[in-house]
Amino acid sequence: MPIFQTPFILSMKIACISTFITFFVAIVLAWIFAYRKSYLTQFLSGITTLPLVLPPTVLGYYLLVSIGNESIIGKLYIYLFGSTLVFTQTAAVIAASIASLPLMIRPFQIAFESIGKEIREAAEVDGANSWITFIQIVIPLSYKGLLAGIILGFARSLGEFGATLMVAGNIPGKTQTLSIAIYDAVQANDWNTANLMVITLSGICIAIILLSFPLEKREEN
C-alpha cells in the first residue's frame, strides 16, 4: 500500500499545481484568441493545440530540449537554484501543464466568444474599460466554460505519462506519478498493484468528468 500511496499523492499534488498555473495562462491566451483575431493569434492558437496531436514522446523531447541542462532555461535554473530542472517535480509540473493547456484554452475561448459583442460594448458605454469588462462581465458569464476547462485540464494533468517520463524520469518517491507507477507494475508483472492503481486513476478521472453533468442540466433548465 505505501508503494501505491506515494505515486497517488504525488500525482494529485502535480495535477493541482499544474491546473492552478495553467488556468491563468489559459485564460489570458483564450482572451487573446477570442478577442484579438489576427494571423498571428491564429498561428499561436495552432501552436497551443500541438500537445493534443503530438506523440507524448515528441512533446517530451521538445520539453527536454527546452528545459534541459544545456538550454537557456536549464542553465538559468541551475544558476538560480544550484540544481538541475530536469528529473524534478517541477519538471513534472511543467510537462503536465503543457499537456493540459489546450484542453483548458478551447473551452475558455468558446465561452468567451459566446458573450455577445453588444454586452461588452454596453459595459464600455457605461464607463467600464476592457479589463473591468472582462473581470466583471465576461468571466462571470463564462463560468460554465471555465469550470469545464478546469475539469478537463485537471484530468489530463492527473493522467499525464509520456512527457512526464521524458523530462521528470521515474524516480520512486520523487517523480514517479501514478501513471508511471502503473507502467512499472505491469513491467514487473505485479498485476494486483497495477489493477488497484488503474481502478483508482480511472475512478478519479470518471468522477471528475461527471462533475460537468450538473452544469449541463442547469443550462438545459
C-alpha atoms as a PDB file:
ATOM      1  CA  MET A   1       0.000   0.000   0.000  1.00  0.00           C
ATOM      2  CA  PRO A   2       2.755   2.577   0.718  1.00  0.00           C
ATOM      3  CA  ILE A   3       4.075   1.927  -2.808  1.00  0.00           C
ATOM      4  CA  PHE A   4       0.633   2.900  -4.104  1.00  0.00           C
ATOM      5  CA  GLN A   5       0.105   5.852  -1.770  1.00  0.00           C
ATOM      6  CA  THR A   6       3.232   7.801  -2.758  1.00  0.00           C
ATOM      7  CA  PRO A   7       2.538   7.915  -6.545  1.00  0.00           C
ATOM      8  CA  PHE A   8      -1.113   8.757  -5.833  1.00  0.00           C
ATOM      9  CA  ILE A   9      -0.286  11.684  -3.552  1.00  0.00           C
ATOM     10  CA  LEU A  10       2.415  12.894  -5.945  1.00  0.00           C
ATOM     11  CA  SER A  11       0.028  12.736  -8.918  1.00  0.00           C
ATOM     12  CA  MET A  12      -2.622  14.721  -7.058  1.00  0.00           C
ATOM     13  CA  LYS A  13      -0.033  17.299  -5.985  1.00  0.00           C
ATOM     14  CA  ILE A  14       1.333  17.740  -9.515  1.00  0.00           C
ATOM     15  CA  ALA A  15      -2.166  17.874 -11.028  1.00  0.00           C
ATOM     16  CA  CYS A  16      -3.334  20.538  -8.554  1.00  0.00           C
ATOM     17  CA  ILE A  17      -0.279  22.749  -9.041  1.00  0.00           C
ATOM     18  CA  SER A  18      -0.370  22.272 -12.800  1.00  0.00           C
ATOM     19  CA  THR A  19      -4.072  23.128 -13.013  1.00  0.00           C
ATOM     20  CA  PHE A  20      -3.595  26.259 -10.906  1.00  0.00           C
ATOM     21  CA  ILE A  21      -0.745  27.523 -13.096  1.00  0.00           C
ATOM     22  CA  THR A  22      -2.340  26.529 -16.391  1.00  0.00           C
ATOM     23  CA  PHE A  23      -5.598  28.267 -15.504  1.00  0.00           C
ATOM     24  CA  PHE A  24      -4.001  31.720 -15.547  1.00  0.00           C
ATOM     25  CA  VAL A  25      -2.011  31.039 -18.719  1.00  0.00           C
ATOM     26  CA  ALA A  26      -5.050  29.589 -20.482  1.00  0.00           C
ATOM     27  CA  ILE A  27      -7.389  32.408 -19.508  1.00  0.00           C
ATOM     28  CA  VAL A  28      -5.009  35.024 -20.944  1.00  0.00           C
ATOM     29  CA  LEU A  29      -4.421  33.092 -24.165  1.00  0.00           C
ATOM     30  CA  ALA A  30      -8.125  32.318 -24.561  1.00  0.00           C
ATOM     31  CA  TRP A  31      -8.927  36.020 -24.181  1.00  0.00           C
ATOM     32  CA  ILE A  32      -6.363  36.898 -26.862  1.00  0.00           C
ATOM     33  CA  PHE A  33      -7.597  34.198 -29.229  1.00  0.00           C
ATOM     34  CA  ALA A  34     -11.239  35.189 -28.697  1.00  0.00           C
ATOM     35  CA  TYR A  35     -10.984  38.972 -28.941  1.00  0.00           C
ATOM     36  CA  ARG A  36      -7.756  39.708 -30.818  1.00  0.00           C
ATOM     37  CA  LYS A  37      -8.262  37.887 -34.100  1.00  0.00           C
ATOM     38  CA  SER A  38      -5.291  38.042 -36.495  1.00  0.00           C
ATOM     39  CA  TYR A  39      -2.999  35.767 -38.462  1.00  0.00           C
ATOM     40  CA  LEU A  40      -0.560  35.846 -35.553  1.00  0.00           C
ATOM     41  CA  THR A  41      -3.132  34.780 -32.965  1.00  0.00           C
ATOM     42  CA  GLN A  42      -4.378  32.048 -35.318  1.00  0.00           C
ATOM     43  CA  PHE A  43      -0.816  30.786 -35.621  1.00  0.00           C
ATOM     44  CA  LEU A  44      -0.336  30.883 -31.858  1.00  0.00           C
ATOM     45  CA  SER A  45      -3.648  29.103 -31.404  1.00  0.00           C
ATOM     46  CA  GLY A  46      -2.407  26.327 -33.663  1.00  0.00           C
ATOM     47  CA  ILE A  47       0.835  26.074 -31.706  1.00  0.00           C
ATOM     48  CA  THR A  48      -1.021  25.682 -28.412  1.00  0.00           C
ATOM     49  CA  THR A  49      -3.034  22.834 -29.959  1.00  0.00           C
ATOM     50  CA  LEU A  50       0.090  20.800 -30.782  1.00  0.00           C
ATOM     51  CA  PRO A  51       0.206  18.953 -27.419  1.00  0.00           C
ATOM     52  CA  LEU A  52      -3.096  17.316 -28.393  1.00  0.00           C
ATOM     53  CA  VAL A  53      -1.748  15.837 -31.623  1.00  0.00           C
ATOM     54  CA  LEU A  54       1.960  15.323 -30.980  1.00  0.00           C
ATOM     55  CA  PRO A  55       3.061  11.896 -29.700  1.00  0.00           C
ATOM     56  CA  PRO A  56       3.863  12.176 -25.969  1.00  0.00           C
ATOM     57  CA  THR A  57       7.499  11.252 -26.576  1.00  0.00           C
ATOM     58  CA  VAL A  58       7.858  14.030 -29.154  1.00  0.00           C
ATOM     59  CA  LEU A  59       6.311  16.532 -26.756  1.00  0.00           C
ATOM     60  CA  GLY A  60       8.647  15.253 -24.053  1.00  0.00           C
ATOM     61  CA  TYR A  61      11.615  15.622 -26.378  1.00  0.00           C
ATOM     62  CA  TYR A  62      10.758  19.259 -27.118  1.00  0.00           C
ATOM     63  CA  LEU A  63      10.417  19.926 -23.398  1.00  0.00           C
ATOM     64  CA  LEU A  64      13.713  18.182 -22.695  1.00  0.00           C
ATOM     65  CA  VAL A  65      15.448  20.364 -25.278  1.00  0.00           C
ATOM     66  CA  SER A  66      13.730  23.479 -23.874  1.00  0.00           C
ATOM     67  CA  ILE A  67      14.455  22.942 -20.159  1.00  0.00           C
ATOM     68  CA  GLY A  68      17.418  20.545 -20.248  1.00  0.00           C
ATOM     69  CA  ASN A  69      20.746  21.352 -18.670  1.00  0.00           C
ATOM     70  CA  GLU A  70      22.155  22.790 -21.911  1.00  0.00           C
ATOM     71  CA  SER A  71      19.157  25.028 -22.633  1.00  0.00           C
ATOM     72  CA  ILE A  72      18.893  28.680 -21.635  1.00  0.00           C
ATOM     73  CA  ILE A  73      16.103  27.895 -19.190  1.00  0.00           C
ATOM     74  CA  GLY A  74      18.013  24.950 -17.760  1.00  0.00           C
ATOM     75  CA  LYS A  75      21.196  26.953 -17.274  1.00  0.00           C
ATOM     76  CA  LEU A  76      19.291  29.837 -15.685  1.00  0.00           C
ATOM     77  CA  TYR A  77      17.581  27.429 -13.294  1.00  0.00           C
ATOM     78  CA  ILE A  78      20.920  25.911 -12.300  1.00  0.00           C
ATOM     79  CA  TYR A  79      22.346  29.395 -11.741  1.00  0.00           C
ATOM     80  CA  LEU A  80      19.417  30.486  -9.578  1.00  0.00           C
ATOM     81  CA  PHE A  81      18.769  27.309  -7.592  1.00  0.00           C
ATOM     82  CA  GLY A  82      22.014  25.361  -7.833  1.00  0.00           C
ATOM     83  CA  SER A  83      20.369  22.209  -9.192  1.00  0.00           C
ATOM     84  CA  THR A  84      19.077  20.877 -12.485  1.00  0.00           C
ATOM     85  CA  LEU A  85      15.482  21.359 -13.578  1.00  0.00           C
ATOM     86  CA  VAL A  86      15.015  18.018 -15.304  1.00  0.00           C
ATOM     87  CA  PHE A  87      14.190  14.936 -13.238  1.00  0.00           C
ATOM     88  CA  THR A  88      12.412  17.018 -10.610  1.00  0.00           C
ATOM     89  CA  GLN A  89       8.794  17.527  -9.577  1.00  0.00           C
ATOM     90  CA  THR A  90       8.980  20.991 -11.116  1.00  0.00           C
ATOM     91  CA  ALA A  91       9.704  19.378 -14.481  1.00  0.00           C
ATOM     92  CA  ALA A  92       6.720  17.068 -13.949  1.00  0.00           C
ATOM     93  CA  VAL A  93       4.505  20.101 -13.297  1.00  0.00           C
ATOM     94  CA  ILE A  94       5.777  21.769 -16.483  1.00  0.00           C
ATOM     95  CA  ALA A  95       5.053  18.630 -18.527  1.00  0.00           C
ATOM     96  CA  ALA A  96       1.552  18.287 -17.086  1.00  0.00           C
ATOM     97  CA  SER A  97       0.850  21.984 -17.655  1.00  0.00           C
ATOM     98  CA  ILE A  98       1.921  21.920 -21.306  1.00  0.00           C
ATOM     99  CA  ALA A  99      -0.053  18.727 -21.966  1.00  0.00           C
ATOM    100  CA  SER A 100      -3.243  20.069 -20.383  1.00  0.00           C
ATOM    101  CA  LEU A 101      -3.034  23.643 -21.720  1.00  0.00           C
ATOM    102  CA  PRO A 102      -5.052  23.134 -24.950  1.00  0.00           C
ATOM    103  CA  LEU A 103      -7.810  21.343 -23.055  1.00  0.00           C
ATOM    104  CA  MET A 104      -8.267  24.466 -20.958  1.00  0.00           C
ATOM    105  CA  ILE A 105      -7.862  27.046 -23.711  1.00  0.00           C
ATOM    106  CA  ARG A 106     -10.567  25.670 -26.028  1.00  0.00           C
ATOM    107  CA  PRO A 107     -13.481  25.684 -23.523  1.00  0.00           C
ATOM    108  CA  PHE A 108     -12.339  29.069 -22.225  1.00  0.00           C
ATOM    109  CA  GLN A 109     -12.191  30.541 -25.723  1.00  0.00           C
ATOM    110  CA  ILE A 110     -15.584  29.146 -26.726  1.00  0.00           C
ATOM    111  CA  ALA A 111     -17.115  30.532 -23.532  1.00  0.00           C
ATOM    112  CA  PHE A 112     -15.622  33.980 -24.150  1.00  0.00           C
ATOM    113  CA  GLU A 113     -16.767  34.040 -27.778  1.00  0.00           C
ATOM    114  CA  SER A 114     -20.310  33.160 -26.693  1.00  0.00           C
ATOM    115  CA  ILE A 115     -20.585  36.505 -24.870  1.00  0.00           C
ATOM    116  CA  GLY A 116     -22.217  38.853 -27.345  1.00  0.00           C
ATOM    117  CA  LYS A 117     -20.274  41.884 -28.513  1.00  0.00           C
ATOM    118  CA  GLU A 118     -23.226  44.108 -27.624  1.00  0.00           C
ATOM    119  CA  ILE A 119     -22.916  43.102 -23.958  1.00  0.00           C
ATOM    120  CA  ARG A 120     -19.266  44.100 -23.843  1.00  0.00           C
ATOM    121  CA  GLU A 121     -19.935  47.322 -25.730  1.00  0.00           C
ATOM    122  CA  ALA A 122     -22.765  48.198 -23.325  1.00  0.00           C
ATOM    123  CA  ALA A 123     -20.402  47.815 -20.386  1.00  0.00           C
ATOM    124  CA  GLU A 124     -17.848  50.053 -22.071  1.00  0.00           C
ATOM    125  CA  VAL A 125     -20.515  52.676 -22.771  1.00  0.00           C
ATOM    126  CA  ASP A 126     -21.261  52.666 -19.033  1.00  0.00           C
ATOM    127  CA  GLY A 127     -17.637  53.575 -18.379  1.00  0.00           C
ATOM    128  CA  ALA A 128     -16.004  50.180 -17.870  1.00  0.00           C
ATOM    129  CA  ASN A 129     -12.641  49.658 -19.553  1.00  0.00           C
ATOM    130  CA  SER A 130     -11.687  46.391 -21.260  1.00  0.00           C
ATOM    131  CA  TRP A 131     -10.105  44.930 -18.117  1.00  0.00           C
ATOM    132  CA  ILE A 132     -13.109  45.670 -15.871  1.00  0.00           C
ATOM    133  CA  THR A 133     -15.478  44.369 -18.544  1.00  0.00           C
ATOM    134  CA  PHE A 134     -13.521  41.134 -18.747  1.00  0.00           C
ATOM    135  CA  ILE A 135     -13.348  40.616 -14.970  1.00  0.00           C
ATOM    136  CA  GLN A 136     -16.858  41.720 -14.020  1.00  0.00           C
ATOM    137  CA  ILE A 137     -18.882  40.763 -17.108  1.00  0.00           C
ATOM    138  CA  VAL A 138     -17.154  38.174 -19.303  1.00  0.00           C
ATOM    139  CA  ILE A 139     -15.750  35.855 -16.637  1.00  0.00           C
ATOM    140  CA  PRO A 140     -18.985  35.580 -14.566  1.00  0.00           C
ATOM    141  CA  LEU A 141     -20.999  34.864 -17.708  1.00  0.00           C
ATOM    142  CA  SER A 142     -18.407  32.276 -18.844  1.00  0.00           C
ATOM    143  CA  TYR A 143     -18.143  30.326 -15.589  1.00  0.00           C
ATOM    144  CA  LYS A 144     -19.539  27.084 -17.034  1.00  0.00           C
ATOM    145  CA  GLY A 145     -16.937  27.031 -19.790  1.00  0.00           C
ATOM    146  CA  LEU A 146     -14.213  27.880 -17.276  1.00  0.00           C
ATOM    147  CA  LEU A 147     -15.260  25.030 -14.992  1.00  0.00           C
ATOM    148  CA  ALA A 148     -15.347  22.631 -17.946  1.00  0.00           C
ATOM    149  CA  GLY A 149     -11.822  23.640 -18.935  1.00  0.00           C
ATOM    150  CA  ILE A 150     -10.547  23.272 -15.373  1.00  0.00           C
ATOM    151  CA  ILE A 151     -12.082  19.803 -15.085  1.00  0.00           C
ATOM    152  CA  LEU A 152     -10.595  18.618 -18.383  1.00  0.00           C
ATOM    153  CA  GLY A 153      -7.216  20.168 -17.606  1.00  0.00           C
ATOM    154  CA  PHE A 154      -7.028  18.564 -14.172  1.00  0.00           C
ATOM    155  CA  ALA A 155      -7.963  15.137 -15.553  1.00  0.00           C
ATOM    156  CA  ARG A 156      -5.306  15.453 -18.276  1.00  0.00           C
ATOM    157  CA  SER A 157      -2.657  16.537 -15.773  1.00  0.00           C
ATOM    158  CA  LEU A 158      -3.522  13.646 -13.477  1.00  0.00           C
ATOM    159  CA  GLY A 159      -3.081  11.067 -16.231  1.00  0.00           C
ATOM    160  CA  GLU A 160      -0.019  12.559 -17.952  1.00  0.00           C
ATOM    161  CA  PHE A 161       2.620   9.905 -18.729  1.00  0.00           C
ATOM    162  CA  GLY A 162       4.875  10.259 -21.785  1.00  0.00           C
ATOM    163  CA  ALA A 163       6.158  13.815 -21.492  1.00  0.00           C
ATOM    164  CA  THR A 164       6.495  13.473 -17.708  1.00  0.00           C
ATOM    165  CA  LEU A 165       8.602  10.346 -18.096  1.00  0.00           C
ATOM    166  CA  MET A 166      10.882  12.137 -20.566  1.00  0.00           C
ATOM    167  CA  VAL A 167      11.601  15.264 -18.501  1.00  0.00           C
ATOM    168  CA  ALA A 168      10.976  14.118 -14.908  1.00  0.00           C
ATOM    169  CA  GLY A 169      12.047  10.499 -15.111  1.00  0.00           C
ATOM    170  CA  ASN A 170      10.844   7.629 -12.976  1.00  0.00           C
ATOM    171  CA  ILE A 171      12.271   8.211  -9.508  1.00  0.00           C
ATOM    172  CA  PRO A 172      10.248   6.408  -6.796  1.00  0.00           C
ATOM    173  CA  GLY A 173       9.103   8.799  -4.101  1.00  0.00           C
ATOM    174  CA  LYS A 174      10.197  11.849  -6.111  1.00  0.00           C
ATOM    175  CA  THR A 175       8.878  11.911  -9.679  1.00  0.00           C
ATOM    176  CA  GLN A 176       7.066   8.573 -10.047  1.00  0.00           C
ATOM    177  CA  THR A 177       3.444   9.531 -10.704  1.00  0.00           C
ATOM    178  CA  LEU A 178       0.524   7.106 -10.683  1.00  0.00           C
ATOM    179  CA  SER A 179       0.614   6.624 -14.462  1.00  0.00           C
ATOM    180  CA  ILE A 180       4.314   5.812 -14.399  1.00  0.00           C
ATOM    181  CA  ALA A 181       3.848   3.517 -11.377  1.00  0.00           C
ATOM    182  CA  ILE A 182       1.219   1.590 -13.345  1.00  0.00           C
ATOM    183  CA  TYR A 183       3.721   1.109 -16.163  1.00  0.00           C
ATOM    184  CA  ASP A 184       6.325  -0.122 -13.665  1.00  0.00           C
ATOM    185  CA  ALA A 185       3.888  -2.535 -12.051  1.00  0.00           C
ATOM    186  CA  VAL A 186       2.953  -4.045 -15.409  1.00  0.00           C
ATOM    187  CA  GLN A 187       6.627  -4.372 -16.366  1.00  0.00           C
ATOM    188  CA  ALA A 188       7.247  -6.155 -13.048  1.00  0.00           C
ATOM    189  CA  ASN A 189       4.233  -8.426 -13.664  1.00  0.00           C
ATOM    190  CA  ASP A 190       2.642  -7.105 -10.452  1.00  0.00           C
ATOM    191  CA  TRP A 191      -0.921  -7.205 -11.709  1.00  0.00           C
ATOM    192  CA  ASN A 192      -2.574  -6.761  -8.319  1.00  0.00           C
ATOM    193  CA  THR A 193      -0.868  -3.413  -7.759  1.00  0.00           C
ATOM    194  CA  ALA A 194      -1.425  -2.402 -11.380  1.00  0.00           C
ATOM    195  CA  ASN A 195      -5.139  -3.233 -11.180  1.00  0.00           C
ATOM    196  CA  LEU A 196      -5.548  -1.254  -7.961  1.00  0.00           C
ATOM    197  CA  MET A 197      -3.847   1.809  -9.387  1.00  0.00           C
ATOM    198  CA  VAL A 198      -5.692   1.577 -12.723  1.00  0.00           C
ATOM    199  CA  ILE A 199      -9.065   1.348 -10.982  1.00  0.00           C
ATOM    200  CA  THR A 200      -8.169   4.280  -8.725  1.00  0.00           C
ATOM    201  CA  LEU A 201      -6.955   6.524 -11.548  1.00  0.00           C
ATOM    202  CA  SER A 202      -9.891   5.603 -13.790  1.00  0.00           C
ATOM    203  CA  GLY A 203     -12.376   6.191 -10.983  1.00  0.00           C
ATOM    204  CA  ILE A 204     -10.964   9.623 -10.206  1.00  0.00           C
ATOM    205  CA  CYS A 205     -10.998  10.684 -13.862  1.00  0.00           C
ATOM    206  CA  ILE A 206     -14.574   9.435 -14.341  1.00  0.00           C
ATOM    207  CA  ALA A 207     -15.712  11.244 -11.201  1.00  0.00           C
ATOM    208  CA  ILE A 208     -14.036  14.446 -12.376  1.00  0.00           C
ATOM    209  CA  ILE A 209     -15.738  14.260 -15.784  1.00  0.00           C
ATOM    210  CA  LEU A 210     -19.113  13.569 -14.156  1.00  0.00           C
ATOM    211  CA  LEU A 211     -18.791  16.861 -12.300  1.00  0.00           C
ATOM    212  CA  SER A 212     -19.616  18.618 -15.550  1.00  0.00           C
ATOM    213  CA  PHE A 213     -23.005  16.917 -15.885  1.00  0.00           C
ATOM    214  CA  PRO A 214     -24.857  19.065 -13.290  1.00  0.00           C
ATOM    215  CA  LEU A 215     -23.682  22.156 -15.174  1.00  0.00           C
ATOM    216  CA  GLU A 216     -25.213  20.837 -18.386  1.00  0.00           C
ATOM    217  CA  LYS A 217     -28.509  20.060 -16.631  1.00  0.00           C
ATOM    218  CA  ARG A 218     -28.727  23.552 -15.142  1.00  0.00           C
ATOM    219  CA  GLU A 219     -28.034  25.028 -18.574  1.00  0.00           C
ATOM    220  CA  GLU A 220     -30.900  23.000 -20.095  1.00  0.00           C
ATOM    221  CA  ASN A 221     -33.264  24.199 -17.383  1.00  0.00           C
END
